[in-house]
C-alpha cells in the first residue's frame, strides 16, 4: 500500500483485511478492535470498533453456549463458544470508517490483497497450523467451519492450502455496497435469523444501530516520552499506564536485564497493578473520570510505597486470539491497530466465509460471569494499541495479541526500549514474564537458580516454560529514529513479519 502511494492508515487497514484470511482464527470481519491514529498534522484519535453487548437477553431461554479447552502444552485454557457467545461485531464497519476518515487509496485497492489470498489460498506455516490445532474443537464443530478448516475431513496441517473463496466474494461485494450490507442488508438478516432460531442473542437492531466511536487516547508521560493508548472503558491501556507510572520511580541504570532484581520488580509491578484494578477500576469503567482517578497520585502513592519497600530491601538474593499491526510512514502518520475474533464462535455466516466472534464467551471480558453483561454496552477489552511520541513525532508504535497477557507484554517491550535502550528486535525477542492470580510465568532465558534466592516474588507458584510461546503475546513493533531511519520487529511468538 505504501509503494502504491498510500499512507500508514491504508497500509494498516489492508493488512488487517488480509489477516481476515491469513490469520482467520485470530481475527475476522465479524470481530472487534481498535485503531490508534497519529496523523502527520499532529492529531491523535482512538477509533473504537470493539464488540457491543446485545440490546436484549433471551427472556429465560437457554442460549447456545458451551465450553471447549485449548491445550498449550505447558498450560490449558477454557473457552466458551456457540451462537450465545456472539457479540455485535465492529471490525468491518470500523475499518471502513477509518478508511473514509484517513485513508488515501481507493477502498478496492486496499481490500484487493485480502480478496486475492482468499481466492488463491495460502500455504499454512507451522504457526498458523498450530493455531488451527489449538482451536480444533471450534473449527470442526459444524459443517460451515469444517468446509473452511477441514474440507477433506482431517483438519488442515502445515503445508496445506487454506482457501476461503466465499470470503473473497463477500469482501468484493462489500467493497461495492459498503458496510451497510453487513449491518442492515441480507447478511444482517441471516445473522439475526440464525441467532433467533438457534439460541443467539443478536437481533437485527443490534447490527443496524452499531456505531464506531472516536475517542481521545489515554495519555501519560514516561521518562520524557508521551505515551498514547486505549482509554476506558477498555482496561488494557489504563493498566499499562498504571504499571509504567510505578516503573517510572525505578532507576534501571544499574539493574541488569533479566536478573533477579529486574524480575522481582516486574512481578511486583504486575501484582500491584492487578490489585489496583480490583480496588475500584472495573466497577467504574463507564464513569467519565475513571482514568483520572485511577492514575491520580492519591491512588498511585500507596502502590508506589509498596513497590519501593520491596525493591529497597537490598536482599535480592495463553492464547488470546488477537492480532496486531503497527505502521509508520515517511510523512509522520502512525497507525497501531489490534483486532480479534476471540476464538470464534464456530458459527460461520452461511455463504460468506465469515466466522462470528465469541466475545460473550471470553472469561476476561465478562468479569461478573457469563450472561451477566449489561445490555447495549461497549465491551471492555484488554487490547491496547499504543504509540509513543517524542517531540510530537511517532517514536514507537506497538501492540499485541494475547488476552490478559497483552498489557504485560507491551509493558515489557516499552521498558526494554526506553529503560534498557534495547534495539527493537532484541526488545521484542527478549524473554518475557507474566504474573497473574498468584502464578509467575517465565519464558526460557532467565536463571532459575538466581531467582530461587529471591523471596519477594509475589504469589505461590512459578511456571517455567520450555519454549517461547504465543501465550506471552505478539508485540509487533516499529521504531522511528531521529535520523529518519524506521526499523520494525515482528514478534516470532505469533508469526510476526516486518516490511
Protein backbone atom coordinates (compact mmCIF):
# COMPACT_ATOMS: atom_id res chain seq x y z
CA UNK A 1 0.00 0.00 0.00
CA UNK A 2 2.87 2.40 0.76
CA UNK A 3 4.50 1.66 -2.61
CA UNK A 4 1.17 2.44 -4.29
CA UNK A 5 1.20 5.90 -2.72
CA UNK A 6 -0.98 5.08 0.25
CA UNK A 7 -0.40 6.22 3.81
CA UNK A 8 0.01 4.39 7.10
CA UNK A 9 -3.75 4.03 7.51
CA UNK A 10 -4.21 2.44 4.08
CA UNK A 11 -1.39 0.04 4.93
CA UNK A 12 -2.75 -0.89 8.35
CA UNK A 13 -6.30 -1.40 7.08
CA UNK A 14 -5.11 -3.51 4.13
CA UNK A 15 -3.04 -5.65 6.49
CA UNK A 16 -5.99 -6.27 8.81
CA UNK A 17 -8.30 -7.18 5.93
CA UNK A 18 -5.61 -9.58 4.72
CA UNK A 19 -5.36 -11.03 8.22
CA UNK A 20 -9.07 -11.90 7.99
CA UNK A 21 -7.80 -14.54 5.53
CA UNK A 22 -4.24 -15.37 6.54
CA UNK A 23 -4.92 -15.27 10.31
CA UNK A 24 -8.61 -16.10 10.17
CA UNK A 25 -8.60 -17.84 13.56
CA UNK A 26 -7.15 -14.71 15.18
CA UNK A 27 -9.35 -12.05 13.63
CA UNK A 28 -12.42 -11.67 11.43
CA UNK A 29 -14.65 -9.14 9.73
CA UNK A 30 -17.16 -10.16 12.42
CA UNK A 31 -14.83 -9.46 15.35
CA UNK A 32 -13.86 -6.21 17.04
CA UNK A 33 -10.87 -3.98 17.57
CA UNK A 34 -9.26 -0.59 17.97
CA UNK A 35 -7.09 1.61 15.76
CA UNK A 36 -4.95 4.32 17.36
CA UNK A 37 -4.03 7.00 14.83
CA UNK A 38 -1.44 9.75 14.96
CA UNK A 39 -1.69 11.94 11.87
CA UNK A 40 1.08 13.94 10.24
CA UNK A 41 -0.87 17.04 11.30
CA UNK A 42 -0.47 16.04 14.95
CA UNK A 43 -3.98 14.73 15.65
CA UNK A 44 -4.44 11.68 17.89
CA UNK A 45 -7.61 9.57 17.60
CA UNK A 46 -8.59 6.23 19.09
CA UNK A 47 -11.15 4.53 16.85
CA UNK A 48 -13.17 2.12 19.00
CA UNK A 49 -14.86 -0.54 16.90
CA UNK A 50 -14.84 -3.25 19.53
CA UNK A 51 -17.81 -5.50 20.07
CA UNK A 52 -21.02 -4.41 21.81
CA UNK A 53 -23.33 -6.38 24.07
CA UNK A 54 -26.76 -7.14 22.56
CA UNK A 55 -29.74 -4.98 23.48
CA UNK A 56 -31.78 -7.80 24.98
CA UNK A 57 -31.39 -11.06 26.89
CA UNK A 58 -33.31 -14.21 25.94
CA UNK A 59 -36.15 -13.94 28.48
CA UNK A 60 -35.32 -17.20 30.22
CA UNK A 61 -34.49 -19.21 27.11
CA UNK A 62 -31.21 -21.12 27.21
CA UNK A 63 -28.52 -19.73 24.88
CA UNK A 64 -26.46 -21.93 22.58
CA UNK A 65 -23.27 -21.76 24.66
CA UNK A 66 -20.70 -24.41 25.57
CA UNK A 67 -17.06 -24.83 26.69
CA UNK A 68 -14.01 -26.16 24.84
CA UNK A 69 -10.44 -26.49 26.10
CA UNK A 70 -7.27 -25.46 24.25
CA UNK A 71 -4.03 -27.22 25.19
CA UNK A 72 -0.87 -25.04 25.04
CA UNK A 73 1.36 -27.84 26.29
CA UNK A 74 2.54 -26.06 29.46
CA UNK A 75 -0.97 -24.89 30.38
CA UNK A 76 -4.57 -25.18 29.21
CA UNK A 77 -7.23 -22.54 28.71
CA UNK A 78 -11.02 -22.92 28.57
CA UNK A 79 -13.08 -21.02 26.01
CA UNK A 80 -16.84 -20.73 25.52
CA UNK A 81 -18.45 -20.71 22.09
CA UNK A 82 -21.78 -21.11 20.29
CA UNK A 83 -24.29 -18.62 18.95
CA UNK A 84 -24.92 -17.45 22.52
CA UNK A 85 -21.31 -16.22 22.66
CA UNK A 86 -21.65 -13.74 19.78
CA UNK A 87 -21.49 -10.01 20.48
CA UNK A 88 -22.29 -7.27 17.96
CA UNK A 89 -19.25 -7.09 15.64
CA UNK A 90 -17.35 -3.92 14.75
CA UNK A 91 -14.30 -4.78 12.64
CA UNK A 92 -15.80 -4.37 9.21
CA UNK A 93 -17.60 -1.13 9.99
CA UNK A 94 -14.62 0.21 11.93
CA UNK A 95 -12.02 -0.35 9.24
CA UNK A 96 -14.20 1.19 6.56
CA UNK A 97 -14.94 4.14 8.86
CA UNK A 98 -11.21 4.77 9.42
CA UNK A 99 -10.55 4.46 5.71
CA UNK A 100 -13.18 7.08 4.93
CA UNK A 101 -11.66 9.40 7.56
CA UNK A 102 -7.94 8.95 6.98
CA UNK A 103 -7.25 6.68 4.01
CA UNK A 104 -5.99 7.84 0.64
CA UNK A 105 -6.15 4.91 -1.78
CA UNK A 106 -9.45 3.59 -3.20
CA UNK A 107 -11.02 1.02 -0.88
CA UNK A 108 -10.95 -1.52 -3.74
CA UNK A 109 -7.13 -1.33 -3.78
CA UNK A 110 -6.93 -1.63 0.00
CA UNK A 111 -9.08 -4.79 0.12
CA UNK A 112 -7.64 -6.41 -3.02
CA UNK A 113 -4.81 -8.33 -1.26
CA UNK A 114 -7.36 -9.96 1.07
CA UNK A 115 -9.56 -10.92 -1.89
CA UNK A 116 -6.54 -12.38 -3.71
CA UNK A 117 -5.42 -14.54 -0.78
CA UNK A 118 -8.95 -15.72 0.00
CA UNK A 119 -9.42 -16.81 -3.62
CA UNK A 120 -5.94 -18.20 -4.36
CA UNK A 121 -5.25 -19.62 -0.92
CA UNK A 122 -2.26 -19.52 1.40
CA UNK A 123 0.12 -22.28 2.45
CA UNK A 124 -0.13 -22.87 6.18
CA UNK A 125 3.13 -22.30 8.02
CA UNK A 126 3.81 -24.01 11.38
CA UNK A 127 2.46 -21.07 13.42
CA UNK A 128 -0.87 -20.93 11.59
CA UNK A 129 -1.20 -24.71 11.69
CA UNK A 130 -0.52 -24.58 15.44
CA UNK A 131 -3.34 -22.04 15.84
CA UNK A 132 -5.71 -24.35 13.98
CA UNK A 133 -4.64 -27.29 16.14
CA UNK A 134 -5.29 -25.32 19.36
CA UNK A 135 -8.81 -24.43 18.26
CA UNK A 136 -9.70 -27.73 16.60
CA UNK A 137 -12.87 -28.25 18.72
CA UNK A 138 -14.20 -24.92 17.44
CA UNK A 139 -13.06 -25.23 13.84
CA UNK A 140 -14.60 -28.68 13.40
CA UNK A 141 -17.80 -28.08 15.38
CA UNK A 142 -20.15 -27.71 12.40
CA UNK A 143 -20.35 -28.01 8.65
CA UNK A 144 -19.76 -24.31 7.97
CA UNK A 145 -16.43 -24.22 9.79
CA UNK A 146 -15.35 -27.67 8.59
CA UNK A 147 -15.74 -26.55 4.96
CA UNK A 148 -13.02 -23.97 5.61
CA UNK A 149 -10.63 -25.69 8.01
CA UNK A 150 -11.22 -29.40 7.34
CA UNK A 151 -12.52 -29.51 3.75
CA UNK A 152 -11.32 -33.08 3.13
CA UNK A 153 -12.14 -34.46 6.58
CA UNK A 154 -8.96 -34.01 8.67
CA UNK A 155 -8.04 -30.57 9.99
CA UNK A 156 -5.62 -28.71 7.70
CA UNK A 157 -1.93 -29.14 8.61
CA UNK A 158 1.37 -27.39 7.92
CA UNK A 159 1.92 -27.18 4.17
CA UNK A 160 -1.78 -27.47 3.31
CA UNK A 161 -3.53 -24.70 1.37
CA UNK A 162 -6.22 -22.69 3.16
CA UNK A 163 -8.77 -21.16 0.78
CA UNK A 164 -11.88 -19.16 1.67
CA UNK A 165 -13.49 -18.39 -1.71
CA UNK A 166 -16.79 -17.34 -0.10
CA UNK A 167 -14.88 -14.65 1.82
CA UNK A 168 -13.34 -13.37 -1.42
CA UNK A 169 -16.82 -12.93 -2.86
CA UNK A 170 -18.13 -11.35 0.33
CA UNK A 171 -15.34 -8.77 0.52
CA UNK A 172 -15.71 -7.94 -3.17
CA UNK A 173 -19.44 -7.37 -2.69
CA UNK A 174 -18.96 -5.32 0.49
CA UNK A 175 -16.49 -3.00 -1.25
CA UNK A 176 -19.22 -2.23 -3.77
CA UNK A 177 -22.15 -1.98 -1.36
CA UNK A 178 -20.40 -0.60 1.73
CA UNK A 179 -20.68 -1.93 5.28
CA UNK A 180 -24.46 -1.32 5.26
CA UNK A 181 -24.94 -4.72 3.60
CA UNK A 182 -23.28 -6.39 6.57
CA UNK A 183 -25.12 -4.37 9.23
CA UNK A 184 -28.53 -3.87 7.60
CA UNK A 185 -28.81 -5.98 4.44
CA UNK A 186 -29.13 -9.67 3.64
CA UNK A 187 -26.11 -10.69 5.73
CA UNK A 188 -27.53 -8.92 8.79
CA UNK A 189 -30.90 -10.60 8.30
CA UNK A 190 -29.20 -14.01 8.04
CA UNK A 191 -27.25 -13.45 11.28
CA UNK A 192 -30.36 -12.26 13.12
CA UNK A 193 -32.48 -15.16 11.87
CA UNK A 194 -29.92 -17.83 12.81
CA UNK A 195 -29.41 -16.30 16.27
CA UNK A 196 -33.14 -16.19 16.93
CA UNK A 197 -33.60 -19.73 15.65
CA UNK A 198 -30.56 -21.34 17.29
CA UNK A 199 -30.07 -19.64 20.66
CA UNK A 200 -28.07 -16.47 19.96
CA UNK A 201 -28.67 -13.03 21.41
CA UNK A 202 -28.11 -10.83 18.34
CA UNK A 203 -31.06 -9.22 16.63
CA UNK A 204 -31.32 -7.00 13.58
CA UNK A 205 -31.43 -3.80 15.64
CA UNK A 206 -28.12 -4.70 17.32
CA UNK A 207 -26.40 -4.77 13.93
CA UNK A 208 -28.26 -1.83 12.40
CA UNK A 209 -27.55 0.50 15.33
CA UNK A 210 -23.85 -0.31 15.83
CA UNK A 211 -21.64 2.80 15.83
CA UNK A 212 -17.87 3.35 15.62
CA UNK A 213 -16.76 5.61 18.49
CA UNK A 214 -13.94 8.13 18.14
CA UNK A 215 -12.20 8.70 21.49
CA UNK A 216 -9.34 10.81 22.80
CA UNK A 217 -6.45 8.45 23.63
CA UNK A 218 -5.33 7.94 27.21
CA UNK A 219 -2.11 9.96 27.56
CA UNK A 220 0.71 9.71 30.10
CA UNK A 221 4.32 10.91 30.28
CA UNK A 222 7.01 8.26 30.74
CA UNK A 223 10.62 9.41 31.12
CA UNK A 224 10.09 12.38 28.79
CA UNK A 225 8.07 10.42 26.23
CA UNK A 226 4.34 10.86 25.63
CA UNK A 227 2.52 7.53 25.58
CA UNK A 228 -0.86 7.26 23.83
CA UNK A 229 -3.00 4.18 24.40
CA UNK A 230 -6.53 2.82 24.61
CA UNK A 231 -8.74 4.74 27.09
CA UNK A 232 -11.64 3.45 29.21
CA UNK A 233 -13.99 1.67 29.02
CA UNK A 234 -11.24 -0.71 27.87
CA UNK A 235 -8.85 -1.81 30.59
CA UNK A 236 -5.57 -2.67 28.89
CA UNK A 237 -4.33 0.85 28.24
CA UNK A 238 -5.04 2.13 31.74
CA UNK A 239 -3.35 -0.90 33.30
CA UNK A 240 -0.24 -0.39 31.14
CA UNK A 241 -0.24 3.29 32.13
CA UNK A 242 -0.54 2.38 35.82
CA UNK A 243 2.34 -0.11 35.58
CA UNK A 244 4.53 2.45 33.79
CA UNK A 245 3.76 5.02 36.50
CA UNK A 246 5.11 2.51 39.03
CA UNK A 247 8.15 1.70 36.90
CA UNK A 248 8.95 5.39 36.44
CA UNK A 249 10.31 5.59 40.02
CA UNK A 250 12.87 2.84 39.32
CA UNK A 251 16.38 3.72 38.17
CA UNK A 252 17.31 0.89 35.79
CA UNK A 253 20.82 2.15 35.08
CA UNK A 254 22.45 -0.36 37.46
CA UNK A 255 19.91 -3.19 37.14
CA UNK A 256 20.91 -5.99 34.72
CA UNK A 257 18.20 -7.02 32.27
CA UNK A 258 16.68 -10.37 33.20
CA UNK A 259 18.47 -10.55 36.53
CA UNK A 260 16.71 -11.38 39.78
CA UNK A 261 16.15 -7.73 40.73
CA UNK A 262 14.60 -6.96 37.34
CA UNK A 263 12.27 -9.97 37.60
CA UNK A 264 11.38 -9.04 41.18
CA UNK A 265 10.38 -5.55 40.02
CA UNK A 266 8.31 -6.83 37.08
CA UNK A 267 6.49 -9.44 39.15
CA UNK A 268 5.59 -6.94 41.85
CA UNK A 269 4.53 -4.24 39.37
CA UNK A 270 2.23 -6.76 37.67
CA UNK A 271 0.86 -7.93 41.00
CA UNK A 272 0.27 -4.39 42.28
CA UNK A 273 -1.42 -3.40 39.02
CA UNK A 274 -3.81 -6.33 39.40
CA UNK A 275 -4.58 -5.22 42.95
CA UNK A 276 -5.18 -1.65 41.81
CA UNK A 277 -7.56 -2.89 39.13
CA UNK A 278 -9.63 -4.72 41.72
CA UNK A 279 -9.90 -1.76 44.09
CA UNK A 280 -12.49 0.04 42.02
CA UNK A 281 -11.36 0.36 38.42
CA UNK A 282 -13.52 -2.40 36.90
CA UNK A 283 -16.59 -1.26 38.81
CA UNK A 284 -16.21 2.29 37.50
CA UNK A 285 -15.27 1.61 33.86
CA UNK A 286 -18.09 3.65 32.41
CA UNK A 287 -17.59 6.75 34.57
CA UNK A 288 -16.09 9.68 32.68
CA UNK A 289 -13.28 10.32 35.18
CA UNK A 290 -12.26 6.71 35.86
CA UNK A 291 -8.82 7.06 34.21
CA UNK A 292 -8.02 10.31 36.02
CA UNK A 293 -8.91 8.77 39.37
CA UNK A 294 -7.10 5.51 38.64
CA UNK A 295 -3.88 7.28 37.62
CA UNK A 296 -4.03 10.02 40.24
CA UNK A 297 -1.23 10.44 42.78
CA UNK A 298 -3.62 9.74 45.64
CA UNK A 299 -4.40 6.33 44.13
CA UNK A 300 -0.87 5.57 42.94
CA UNK A 301 1.05 6.58 46.08
CA UNK A 302 0.24 3.55 48.27
CA UNK A 303 1.30 1.24 45.46
CA UNK A 304 4.45 3.27 44.84
CA UNK A 305 5.32 2.97 48.52
CA UNK A 306 4.71 -0.78 48.47
CA UNK A 307 6.93 -1.23 45.42
CA UNK A 308 9.61 0.97 46.96
CA UNK A 309 9.63 -1.02 50.19
CA UNK A 310 10.02 -4.27 48.24
CA UNK A 311 12.71 -3.10 45.82
CA UNK A 312 14.73 -1.34 48.50
CA UNK A 313 15.07 -4.37 50.76
CA UNK A 314 18.55 -5.00 49.40
CA UNK A 315 18.19 -8.78 49.73
CA UNK A 316 17.59 -9.52 46.13
CA UNK A 317 19.31 -12.91 46.62
CA UNK A 318 -2.35 -18.36 26.91
CA UNK A 319 -3.55 -17.94 23.84
CA UNK A 320 -5.74 -14.88 23.16
CA UNK A 321 -6.97 -14.93 19.59
CA UNK A 322 -5.84 -11.47 18.68
CA UNK A 323 -3.54 -9.95 16.09
CA UNK A 324 -1.80 -6.61 15.69
CA UNK A 325 -0.36 -4.32 13.00
CA UNK A 326 1.96 -1.32 13.55
CA UNK A 327 2.79 1.17 10.77
CA UNK A 328 4.77 4.41 10.47
CA UNK A 329 5.06 6.20 7.12
CA UNK A 330 7.55 8.79 5.90
CA UNK A 331 5.02 11.61 6.31
CA UNK A 332 4.76 11.10 10.07
CA UNK A 333 1.46 9.19 10.14
CA UNK A 334 1.31 6.25 12.54
CA UNK A 335 -1.28 3.52 12.96
CA UNK A 336 -1.49 0.93 15.73
CA UNK A 337 -4.38 -1.48 15.24
CA UNK A 338 -5.37 -4.52 17.28
CA UNK A 339 -8.27 -6.76 16.26
CA UNK A 340 -9.71 -10.02 17.43
CA UNK A 341 -12.44 -12.57 16.87
CA UNK A 342 -11.99 -14.07 20.32
CA UNK A 343 -11.53 -17.71 19.39
CA UNK A 344 -14.51 -17.58 17.06
CA UNK A 345 -17.98 -18.79 17.98
CA UNK A 346 -17.78 -21.70 15.46
CA UNK A 347 -20.77 -20.14 13.63
CA UNK A 348 -19.91 -19.18 10.04
CA UNK A 349 -22.44 -16.88 8.38
CA UNK A 350 -23.78 -19.08 5.57
CA UNK A 351 -22.31 -18.32 2.16
CA UNK A 352 -19.88 -15.64 3.43
CA UNK A 353 -16.79 -17.44 4.78
CA UNK A 354 -17.00 -15.16 7.86
CA UNK A 355 -16.91 -16.71 11.33
CA UNK A 356 -18.59 -14.64 14.06
CA UNK A 357 -16.82 -13.74 17.32
CA UNK A 358 -17.31 -15.31 20.76
CA UNK A 359 -16.73 -12.19 22.88
CA UNK A 360 -19.64 -13.02 25.21
CA UNK A 361 -17.76 -16.26 25.95
CA UNK A 362 -14.42 -14.65 26.83
CA UNK A 363 -13.85 -15.00 30.58
CA UNK A 364 -11.64 -11.92 30.91
CA UNK A 365 -14.25 -9.80 29.09
CA UNK A 366 -17.04 -11.00 31.37
CA UNK A 367 -15.68 -10.49 34.92
CA UNK A 368 -19.15 -10.71 36.50
CA UNK A 369 -19.84 -14.10 34.94
CA UNK A 370 -21.24 -15.30 31.63
CA UNK A 371 -24.64 -13.95 30.57
CA UNK A 372 -24.42 -11.26 33.29
CA UNK A 373 -23.48 -8.47 30.88
CA UNK A 374 -25.32 -5.15 30.80
CA UNK A 375 -27.32 -4.72 27.56
CA UNK A 376 -26.16 -2.43 24.73
CA UNK A 377 -22.77 -1.57 26.20
CA UNK A 378 -19.34 -1.43 24.57
CA UNK A 379 -17.39 -4.37 25.95
CA UNK A 380 -14.23 -3.57 27.90
CA UNK A 381 -11.13 -5.04 26.27
CA UNK A 382 -7.55 -5.72 27.26
CA UNK A 383 -6.43 -4.61 23.76
CA UNK A 384 -4.08 -1.65 23.94
CA UNK A 385 -2.78 -0.36 20.60
CA UNK A 386 -0.10 2.10 21.70
CA UNK A 387 2.01 4.91 20.21
CA UNK A 388 4.93 6.61 21.96
CA UNK A 389 5.68 10.16 20.82
CA UNK A 390 8.91 12.12 21.15
CA UNK A 391 8.57 15.85 20.36
CA UNK A 392 5.11 15.05 18.97
CA UNK A 393 6.55 12.66 16.39
CA UNK A 394 5.91 8.89 16.46
CA UNK A 395 8.85 7.17 18.11
CA UNK A 396 7.44 3.70 18.90
CA UNK A 397 4.29 2.06 17.53
CA UNK A 398 3.32 -1.26 19.09
CA UNK A 399 0.56 -3.50 20.30
CA UNK A 400 -0.07 -7.16 20.95
CA UNK A 401 -2.42 -10.08 20.98
CA UNK A 402 -2.62 -12.36 23.99
CA UNK A 403 -5.73 -11.77 26.09
CA UNK A 404 -4.72 -10.93 29.69
CA UNK A 405 -1.05 -11.02 28.70
CA UNK A 406 -1.41 -8.10 26.25
CA UNK A 407 -0.71 -5.43 28.84
CA UNK A 408 2.29 -7.17 30.42
CA UNK A 409 3.82 -7.97 27.02
CA UNK A 410 3.51 -4.35 25.82
CA UNK A 411 4.78 -3.07 29.17
CA UNK A 412 7.95 -5.16 28.90
CA UNK A 413 8.75 -4.15 25.32
CA UNK A 414 8.29 -0.44 26.14
CA UNK A 415 10.52 -0.83 29.18
CA UNK A 416 13.11 -2.79 27.20
CA UNK A 417 13.37 0.02 24.63
CA UNK A 418 13.14 3.05 26.92
CA UNK A 419 14.66 1.79 30.18
CA UNK A 420 17.35 -0.55 28.85
CA UNK A 421 17.94 1.16 25.45
CA UNK A 422 17.48 -2.20 23.76
CA UNK A 423 17.29 -2.28 19.91
CA UNK A 424 13.79 -3.06 18.74
CA UNK A 425 14.38 -6.62 17.52
CA UNK A 426 16.14 -7.61 20.74
CA UNK A 427 13.46 -5.82 22.78
CA UNK A 428 10.72 -7.85 21.10
CA UNK A 429 12.60 -11.17 21.16
CA UNK A 430 13.74 -10.89 24.79
CA UNK A 431 12.22 -13.44 27.19
CA UNK A 432 9.07 -12.32 28.99
CA UNK A 433 7.27 -12.93 32.24
CA UNK A 434 3.63 -12.68 33.26
CA UNK A 435 2.17 -12.58 36.78
CA UNK A 436 -1.50 -13.37 37.37
CA UNK A 437 -3.57 -14.91 40.18
CA UNK A 438 -0.54 -15.84 42.24
CA UNK A 439 1.29 -17.56 39.38
CA UNK A 440 4.51 -16.16 37.88
CA UNK A 441 5.09 -17.41 34.32
CA UNK A 442 8.62 -17.18 32.87
CA UNK A 443 9.88 -17.86 29.36
CA UNK A 444 13.27 -19.56 28.95
CA UNK A 445 16.25 -17.22 29.17
CA UNK A 446 16.15 -16.38 32.87
CA UNK A 447 18.23 -18.03 35.58
CA UNK A 448 16.14 -20.29 37.76
CA UNK A 449 18.99 -20.67 40.22
CA UNK A 450 19.29 -16.90 40.73
CA UNK A 451 15.54 -16.45 41.14
CA UNK A 452 15.33 -19.24 43.73
CA UNK A 453 17.17 -16.94 46.11
CA UNK A 454 14.61 -14.12 45.81
CA UNK A 455 11.94 -14.27 48.49
CA UNK A 456 9.95 -11.20 47.47
CA UNK A 457 8.35 -12.58 44.30
CA UNK A 458 4.59 -12.41 44.96
CA UNK A 459 2.41 -15.48 44.66
CA UNK A 460 2.86 -19.11 45.49
CA UNK A 461 3.78 -20.72 42.17
CA UNK A 462 6.27 -20.29 39.33
CA UNK A 463 5.79 -21.83 35.87
CA UNK A 464 8.99 -22.14 33.84
CA UNK A 465 8.05 -22.52 30.20
CA UNK A 466 10.12 -24.76 27.94
CA UNK A 467 9.89 -22.53 24.85
CA UNK A 468 8.89 -19.00 23.88
CA UNK A 469 5.15 -19.12 23.26
CA UNK A 470 2.26 -17.02 21.93
CA UNK A 471 0.87 -17.18 25.49
CA UNK A 472 3.22 -14.23 26.14
CA UNK A 473 1.73 -12.09 23.37
CA UNK A 474 2.96 -10.95 19.98
CA UNK A 475 4.29 -7.40 20.22
CA UNK A 476 4.72 -6.27 16.61
CA UNK A 477 6.70 -3.05 16.90
CA UNK A 478 8.02 -0.21 14.75
CA UNK A 479 10.61 2.34 15.94
CA UNK A 480 11.43 5.62 14.18
CA UNK A 481 14.88 7.03 14.96
CA UNK A 482 15.68 10.78 14.94
CA UNK A 483 17.80 10.36 11.80
CA UNK A 484 14.71 9.23 9.87
CA UNK A 485 15.52 5.53 9.92
CA UNK A 486 12.49 3.29 10.60
CA UNK A 487 13.09 -0.22 11.95
CA UNK A 488 10.48 -2.85 12.78
CA UNK A 489 10.29 -6.22 14.50
CA UNK A 490 7.57 -8.81 14.09
CA UNK A 491 7.21 -10.97 17.18
CA UNK A 492 8.15 -14.58 16.30
CA UNK A 493 5.81 -15.84 19.04
CA UNK A 494 2.91 -15.04 16.70
CA UNK A 495 4.49 -15.47 13.29
CA UNK A 496 5.32 -11.76 13.08
CA UNK A 497 6.78 -10.18 9.96
CA UNK A 498 8.26 -6.80 9.08
CA UNK A 499 8.38 -4.89 5.78
